[in-house]
């Protein structure tokens, strides 16, 4: 016949005991030495993170060398947008407080493509009070300009309403 109930129970208990023992052994062998130094974490992760070179900077790190753009940017509707969002990574331009590279300048349709990353009717993540959406080419038709116009022909890229408001003041369409 087969094994008795008691014998099967003993085999199951031994199997469980062996699996738990092997699991604990593997946990002990595979656990890094620095684990648990600062709680349930791997302490070496801190020094490894510190060793990773910094790639991104704040707007203030850009404004140190670009005061003209800083003044316009801080006064414009784009003041909360990171310079890197449009211009690229700080580390590709500066290293150890010295210029090491030139970030590409967007021109022509590249500017429109860049603007439409946020200013597009298909992006509905925020209400229109936060990000004014623009549908091209309808916006260009509404403004009665050529369909080949790029955004920066009417808008200053760092302060989008700067040129528009100035034109309205000159023409008297806007109160002073």
C-alpha atoms as a PDB file:
ATOM      1  CA  UNK A   1       0.000   0.000   0.000  1.00  0.00           C
ATOM      2  CA  UNK A   2       0.957   3.571   0.347  1.00  0.00           C
ATOM      3  CA  UNK A   3       2.436   5.549   3.157  1.00  0.00           C
ATOM      4  CA  UNK A   4       0.443   6.011   6.274  1.00  0.00           C
ATOM      5  CA  UNK A   5      -1.170   9.325   7.140  1.00  0.00           C
ATOM      6  CA  UNK A   6       1.443   9.937   9.792  1.00  0.00           C
ATOM      7  CA  UNK A   7       4.335   9.238   7.455  1.00  0.00           C
ATOM      8  CA  UNK A   8       2.905  11.620   4.815  1.00  0.00           C
ATOM      9  CA  UNK A   9       2.512  14.315   7.476  1.00  0.00           C
ATOM     10  CA  UNK A  10       6.151  13.861   8.563  1.00  0.00           C
ATOM     11  CA  UNK A  11       7.322  14.119   4.895  1.00  0.00           C
ATOM     12  CA  UNK A  12       5.306  17.310   4.364  1.00  0.00           C
ATOM     13  CA  UNK A  13       6.754  18.838   7.544  1.00  0.00           C
ATOM     14  CA  UNK A  14      10.297  17.869   6.552  1.00  0.00           C
ATOM     15  CA  UNK A  15       9.738  19.295   3.046  1.00  0.00           C
ATOM     16  CA  UNK A  16       8.465  22.581   4.477  1.00  0.00           C
ATOM     17  CA  UNK A  17      11.383  22.705   6.926  1.00  0.00           C
ATOM     18  CA  UNK A  18      13.900  22.065   4.110  1.00  0.00           C
ATOM     19  CA  UNK A  19      12.287  24.731   1.836  1.00  0.00           C
ATOM     20  CA  UNK A  20      12.285  27.305   4.628  1.00  0.00           C
ATOM     21  CA  UNK A  21      15.914  26.460   5.436  1.00  0.00           C
ATOM     22  CA  UNK A  22      16.992  26.742   1.796  1.00  0.00           C
ATOM     23  CA  UNK A  23      15.063  30.040   1.480  1.00  0.00           C
ATOM     24  CA  UNK A  24      16.732  31.467   4.580  1.00  0.00           C
ATOM     25  CA  UNK A  25      20.132  30.293   3.351  1.00  0.00           C
ATOM     26  CA  UNK A  26      19.622  31.977  -0.036  1.00  0.00           C
ATOM     27  CA  UNK A  27      18.392  35.144   1.690  1.00  0.00           C
ATOM     28  CA  UNK A  28      21.522  35.173   3.832  1.00  0.00           C
ATOM     29  CA  UNK A  29      23.842  34.514   0.886  1.00  0.00           C
ATOM     30  CA  UNK A  30      22.203  36.990  -1.505  1.00  0.00           C
ATOM     31  CA  UNK A  31      21.554  39.855   0.924  1.00  0.00           C
ATOM     32  CA  UNK A  32      24.122  42.676   0.553  1.00  0.00           C
ATOM     33  CA  UNK A  33      26.331  43.354   3.579  1.00  0.00           C
ATOM     34  CA  UNK A  34      25.072  46.944   3.848  1.00  0.00           C
ATOM     35  CA  UNK A  35      21.439  45.897   4.093  1.00  0.00           C
ATOM     36  CA  UNK A  36      19.903  46.882   7.404  1.00  0.00           C
ATOM     37  CA  UNK A  37      22.516  49.478   8.407  1.00  0.00           C
ATOM     38  CA  UNK A  38      19.921  52.279   8.083  1.00  0.00           C
ATOM     39  CA  UNK A  39      16.766  50.250   8.586  1.00  0.00           C
ATOM     40  CA  UNK A  40      15.335  47.963   5.925  1.00  0.00           C
ATOM     41  CA  UNK A  41      17.454  49.508   3.165  1.00  0.00           C
ATOM     42  CA  UNK A  42      20.754  48.893   1.400  1.00  0.00           C
ATOM     43  CA  UNK A  43      23.097  51.557   2.795  1.00  0.00           C
ATOM     44  CA  UNK A  44      25.436  51.369  -0.229  1.00  0.00           C
ATOM     45  CA  UNK A  45      22.584  52.694  -2.391  1.00  0.00           C
ATOM     46  CA  UNK A  46      23.202  56.165  -0.910  1.00  0.00           C
ATOM     47  CA  UNK A  47      26.855  56.353  -1.933  1.00  0.00           C
ATOM     48  CA  UNK A  48      26.011  54.887  -5.350  1.00  0.00           C
ATOM     49  CA  UNK A  49      23.346  57.569  -5.887  1.00  0.00           C
ATOM     50  CA  UNK A  50      25.785  60.308  -4.848  1.00  0.00           C
ATOM     51  CA  UNK A  51      28.313  59.039  -7.402  1.00  0.00           C
ATOM     52  CA  UNK A  52      25.854  59.417 -10.311  1.00  0.00           C
ATOM     53  CA  UNK A  53      26.775  62.609 -12.184  1.00  0.00           C
ATOM     54  CA  UNK A  54      24.184  65.406 -12.094  1.00  0.00           C
ATOM     55  CA  UNK A  55      22.545  65.832 -15.504  1.00  0.00           C
ATOM     56  CA  UNK A  56      19.827  68.368 -14.773  1.00  0.00           C
ATOM     57  CA  UNK A  57      19.960  71.893 -13.435  1.00  0.00           C
ATOM     58  CA  UNK A  58      17.393  74.341 -12.166  1.00  0.00           C
ATOM     59  CA  UNK A  59      16.300  77.453 -14.007  1.00  0.00           C
ATOM     60  CA  UNK A  60      18.538  79.445 -11.661  1.00  0.00           C
ATOM     61  CA  UNK A  61      21.561  77.523 -12.924  1.00  0.00           C
ATOM     62  CA  UNK A  62      20.703  78.730 -16.453  1.00  0.00           C
ATOM     63  CA  UNK A  63      19.864  82.280 -15.367  1.00  0.00           C
ATOM     64  CA  UNK A  64      23.393  82.824 -13.996  1.00  0.00           C
ATOM     65  CA  UNK A  65      24.766  83.039 -17.528  1.00  0.00           C
ATOM     66  CA  UNK A  66      21.613  84.131 -19.371  1.00  0.00           C
ATOM     67  CA  UNK A  67      20.337  87.204 -17.478  1.00  0.00           C
ATOM     68  CA  UNK A  68      18.504  88.728 -20.459  1.00  0.00           C
ATOM     69  CA  UNK A  69      16.467  85.567 -21.041  1.00  0.00           C
ATOM     70  CA  UNK A  70      15.977  85.205 -17.277  1.00  0.00           C
ATOM     71  CA  UNK A  71      14.356  88.630 -16.990  1.00  0.00           C
ATOM     72  CA  UNK A  72      11.906  87.879 -19.810  1.00  0.00           C
ATOM     73  CA  UNK A  73      11.266  84.304 -18.648  1.00  0.00           C
ATOM     74  CA  UNK A  74      10.494  85.316 -15.055  1.00  0.00           C
ATOM     75  CA  UNK A  75       7.962  87.902 -16.243  1.00  0.00           C
ATOM     76  CA  UNK A  76       6.254  85.624 -18.752  1.00  0.00           C
ATOM     77  CA  UNK A  77       3.628  82.924 -18.632  1.00  0.00           C
ATOM     78  CA  UNK A  78       6.328  80.275 -19.030  1.00  0.00           C
ATOM     79  CA  UNK A  79       8.062  81.172 -15.738  1.00  0.00           C
ATOM     80  CA  UNK A  80       7.179  77.801 -14.189  1.00  0.00           C
ATOM     81  CA  UNK A  81       8.540  75.793 -17.113  1.00  0.00           C
ATOM     82  CA  UNK A  82      12.036  74.374 -16.841  1.00  0.00           C
ATOM     83  CA  UNK A  83      14.587  75.718 -19.317  1.00  0.00           C
ATOM     84  CA  UNK A  84      15.579  72.098 -19.977  1.00  0.00           C
ATOM     85  CA  UNK A  85      12.093  71.248 -21.239  1.00  0.00           C
ATOM     86  CA  UNK A  86      12.761  73.264 -24.388  1.00  0.00           C
ATOM     87  CA  UNK A  87      16.533  73.580 -24.554  1.00  0.00           C
ATOM     88  CA  UNK A  88      17.906  70.238 -23.428  1.00  0.00           C
ATOM     89  CA  UNK A  89      19.878  68.885 -20.523  1.00  0.00           C
ATOM     90  CA  UNK A  90      22.052  71.238 -18.467  1.00  0.00           C
ATOM     91  CA  UNK A  91      24.919  68.706 -18.401  1.00  0.00           C
ATOM     92  CA  UNK A  92      25.116  68.817 -22.213  1.00  0.00           C
ATOM     93  CA  UNK A  93      25.902  72.531 -21.936  1.00  0.00           C
ATOM     94  CA  UNK A  94      27.806  73.101 -18.668  1.00  0.00           C
ATOM     95  CA  UNK A  95      30.241  71.053 -16.597  1.00  0.00           C
ATOM     96  CA  UNK A  96      32.052  72.321 -13.485  1.00  0.00           C
ATOM     97  CA  UNK A  97      30.647  75.837 -14.100  1.00  0.00           C
ATOM     98  CA  UNK A  98      32.222  76.003 -17.571  1.00  0.00           C
ATOM     99  CA  UNK A  99      30.493  75.873 -20.936  1.00  0.00           C
ATOM    100  CA  UNK A 100      31.278  72.534 -22.543  1.00  0.00           C
ATOM    101  CA  UNK A 101      28.747  72.390 -25.338  1.00  0.00           C
ATOM    102  CA  UNK A 102      26.173  74.366 -27.266  1.00  0.00           C
ATOM    103  CA  UNK A 103      22.554  73.357 -27.033  1.00  0.00           C
ATOM    104  CA  UNK A 104      20.768  73.347 -30.396  1.00  0.00           C
ATOM    105  CA  UNK A 105      18.599  76.403 -31.081  1.00  0.00           C
ATOM    106  CA  UNK A 106      15.152  75.601 -32.396  1.00  0.00           C
ATOM    107  CA  UNK A 107      14.163  77.397 -35.587  1.00  0.00           C
ATOM    108  CA  UNK A 108      11.220  77.477 -37.974  1.00  0.00           C
ATOM    109  CA  UNK A 109       8.818  74.579 -37.669  1.00  0.00           C
ATOM    110  CA  UNK A 110      10.899  73.101 -34.816  1.00  0.00           C
ATOM    111  CA  UNK A 111       9.613  75.954 -32.645  1.00  0.00           C
ATOM    112  CA  UNK A 112       6.009  75.224 -33.576  1.00  0.00           C
ATOM    113  CA  UNK A 113       6.533  71.519 -32.881  1.00  0.00           C
ATOM    114  CA  UNK A 114       8.027  72.395 -29.507  1.00  0.00           C
ATOM    115  CA  UNK A 115       5.150  74.740 -28.610  1.00  0.00           C
ATOM    116  CA  UNK A 116       2.561  72.154 -29.598  1.00  0.00           C
ATOM    117  CA  UNK A 117       3.951  69.741 -26.999  1.00  0.00           C
ATOM    118  CA  UNK A 118       1.784  71.692 -24.530  1.00  0.00           C
ATOM    119  CA  UNK A 119      -0.353  74.027 -26.624  1.00  0.00           C
ATOM    120  CA  UNK A 120      -2.383  71.511 -28.558  1.00  0.00           C
ATOM    121  CA  UNK A 121      -6.078  70.738 -28.354  1.00  0.00           C
ATOM    122  CA  UNK A 122      -5.294  67.035 -28.021  1.00  0.00           C
ATOM    123  CA  UNK A 123      -3.610  67.588 -24.653  1.00  0.00           C
ATOM    124  CA  UNK A 124      -6.444  67.838 -22.153  1.00  0.00           C
ATOM    125  CA  UNK A 125      -4.488  67.256 -18.959  1.00  0.00           C
ATOM    126  CA  UNK A 126      -5.157  70.775 -17.669  1.00  0.00           C
ATOM    127  CA  UNK A 127      -7.972  73.259 -17.975  1.00  0.00           C
ATOM    128  CA  UNK A 128      -7.799  76.032 -20.567  1.00  0.00           C
ATOM    129  CA  UNK A 129      -7.158  78.586 -17.802  1.00  0.00           C
ATOM    130  CA  UNK A 130      -3.825  76.890 -17.115  1.00  0.00           C
ATOM    131  CA  UNK A 131      -2.641  76.073 -20.644  1.00  0.00           C
ATOM    132  CA  UNK A 132      -4.297  77.873 -23.523  1.00  0.00           C
ATOM    133  CA  UNK A 133      -4.777  75.293 -26.214  1.00  0.00           C
ATOM    134  CA  UNK A 134      -4.294  76.116 -29.853  1.00  0.00           C
ATOM    135  CA  UNK A 135      -5.555  74.144 -32.805  1.00  0.00           C
ATOM    136  CA  UNK A 136      -3.438  74.570 -35.890  1.00  0.00           C
ATOM    137  CA  UNK A 137      -4.172  75.591 -38.611  1.00  0.00           C
ATOM    138  CA  UNK A 138      -7.439  77.051 -37.209  1.00  0.00           C
ATOM    139  CA  UNK A 139      -5.538  79.435 -34.929  1.00  0.00           C
ATOM    140  CA  UNK A 140      -3.592  80.829 -37.890  1.00  0.00           C
ATOM    141  CA  UNK A 141      -6.812  81.274 -39.932  1.00  0.00           C
ATOM    142  CA  UNK A 142      -8.497  83.009 -36.964  1.00  0.00           C
ATOM    143  CA  UNK A 143      -5.571  85.431 -36.726  1.00  0.00           C
ATOM    144  CA  UNK A 144      -5.692  85.962 -40.502  1.00  0.00           C
ATOM    145  CA  UNK A 145      -2.058  85.082 -41.064  1.00  0.00           C
ATOM    146  CA  UNK A 146      -0.381  82.693 -43.487  1.00  0.00           C
ATOM    147  CA  UNK A 147      -0.674  79.023 -42.640  1.00  0.00           C
ATOM    148  CA  UNK A 148       3.131  78.813 -42.853  1.00  0.00           C
ATOM    149  CA  UNK A 149       3.628  81.168 -39.867  1.00  0.00           C
ATOM    150  CA  UNK A 150       5.557  79.757 -36.930  1.00  0.00           C
ATOM    151  CA  UNK A 151       4.664  80.514 -33.313  1.00  0.00           C
ATOM    152  CA  UNK A 152       7.624  82.836 -32.733  1.00  0.00           C
ATOM    153  CA  UNK A 153       6.594  85.133 -35.565  1.00  0.00           C
ATOM    154  CA  UNK A 154       3.870  86.525 -33.277  1.00  0.00           C
ATOM    155  CA  UNK A 155       4.847  85.238 -29.820  1.00  0.00           C
ATOM    156  CA  UNK A 156       8.027  85.651 -27.791  1.00  0.00           C
ATOM    157  CA  UNK A 157       8.981  82.101 -26.803  1.00  0.00           C
ATOM    158  CA  UNK A 158       9.933  82.996 -23.218  1.00  0.00           C
ATOM    159  CA  UNK A 159       6.990  85.366 -22.643  1.00  0.00           C
ATOM    160  CA  UNK A 160       4.261  84.394 -25.140  1.00  0.00           C
ATOM    161  CA  UNK A 161       2.028  87.435 -24.705  1.00  0.00           C
ATOM    162  CA  UNK A 162       4.837  90.021 -24.707  1.00  0.00           C
ATOM    163  CA  UNK A 163       4.588  90.857 -28.429  1.00  0.00           C
ATOM    164  CA  UNK A 164       0.812  90.389 -28.532  1.00  0.00           C
ATOM    165  CA  UNK A 165       0.137  92.763 -25.621  1.00  0.00           C
ATOM    166  CA  UNK A 166       2.585  95.336 -26.997  1.00  0.00           C
ATOM    167  CA  UNK A 167       0.850  95.257 -30.398  1.00  0.00           C
ATOM    168  CA  UNK A 168      -2.544  95.662 -28.695  1.00  0.00           C
ATOM    169  CA  UNK A 169      -1.228  98.672 -26.746  1.00  0.00           C
ATOM    170  CA  UNK A 170       0.143 100.312 -29.897  1.00  0.00           C
ATOM    171  CA  UNK A 171      -3.094  99.785 -31.816  1.00  0.00           C
ATOM    172  CA  UNK A 172      -5.266 100.829 -28.869  1.00  0.00           C
ATOM    173  CA  UNK A 173      -7.013  97.471 -28.644  1.00  0.00           C
ATOM    174  CA  UNK A 174      -5.931  97.059 -25.040  1.00  0.00           C
ATOM    175  CA  UNK A 175      -6.313  99.309 -22.042  1.00  0.00           C
ATOM    176  CA  UNK A 176      -3.050 100.547 -20.560  1.00  0.00           C
END
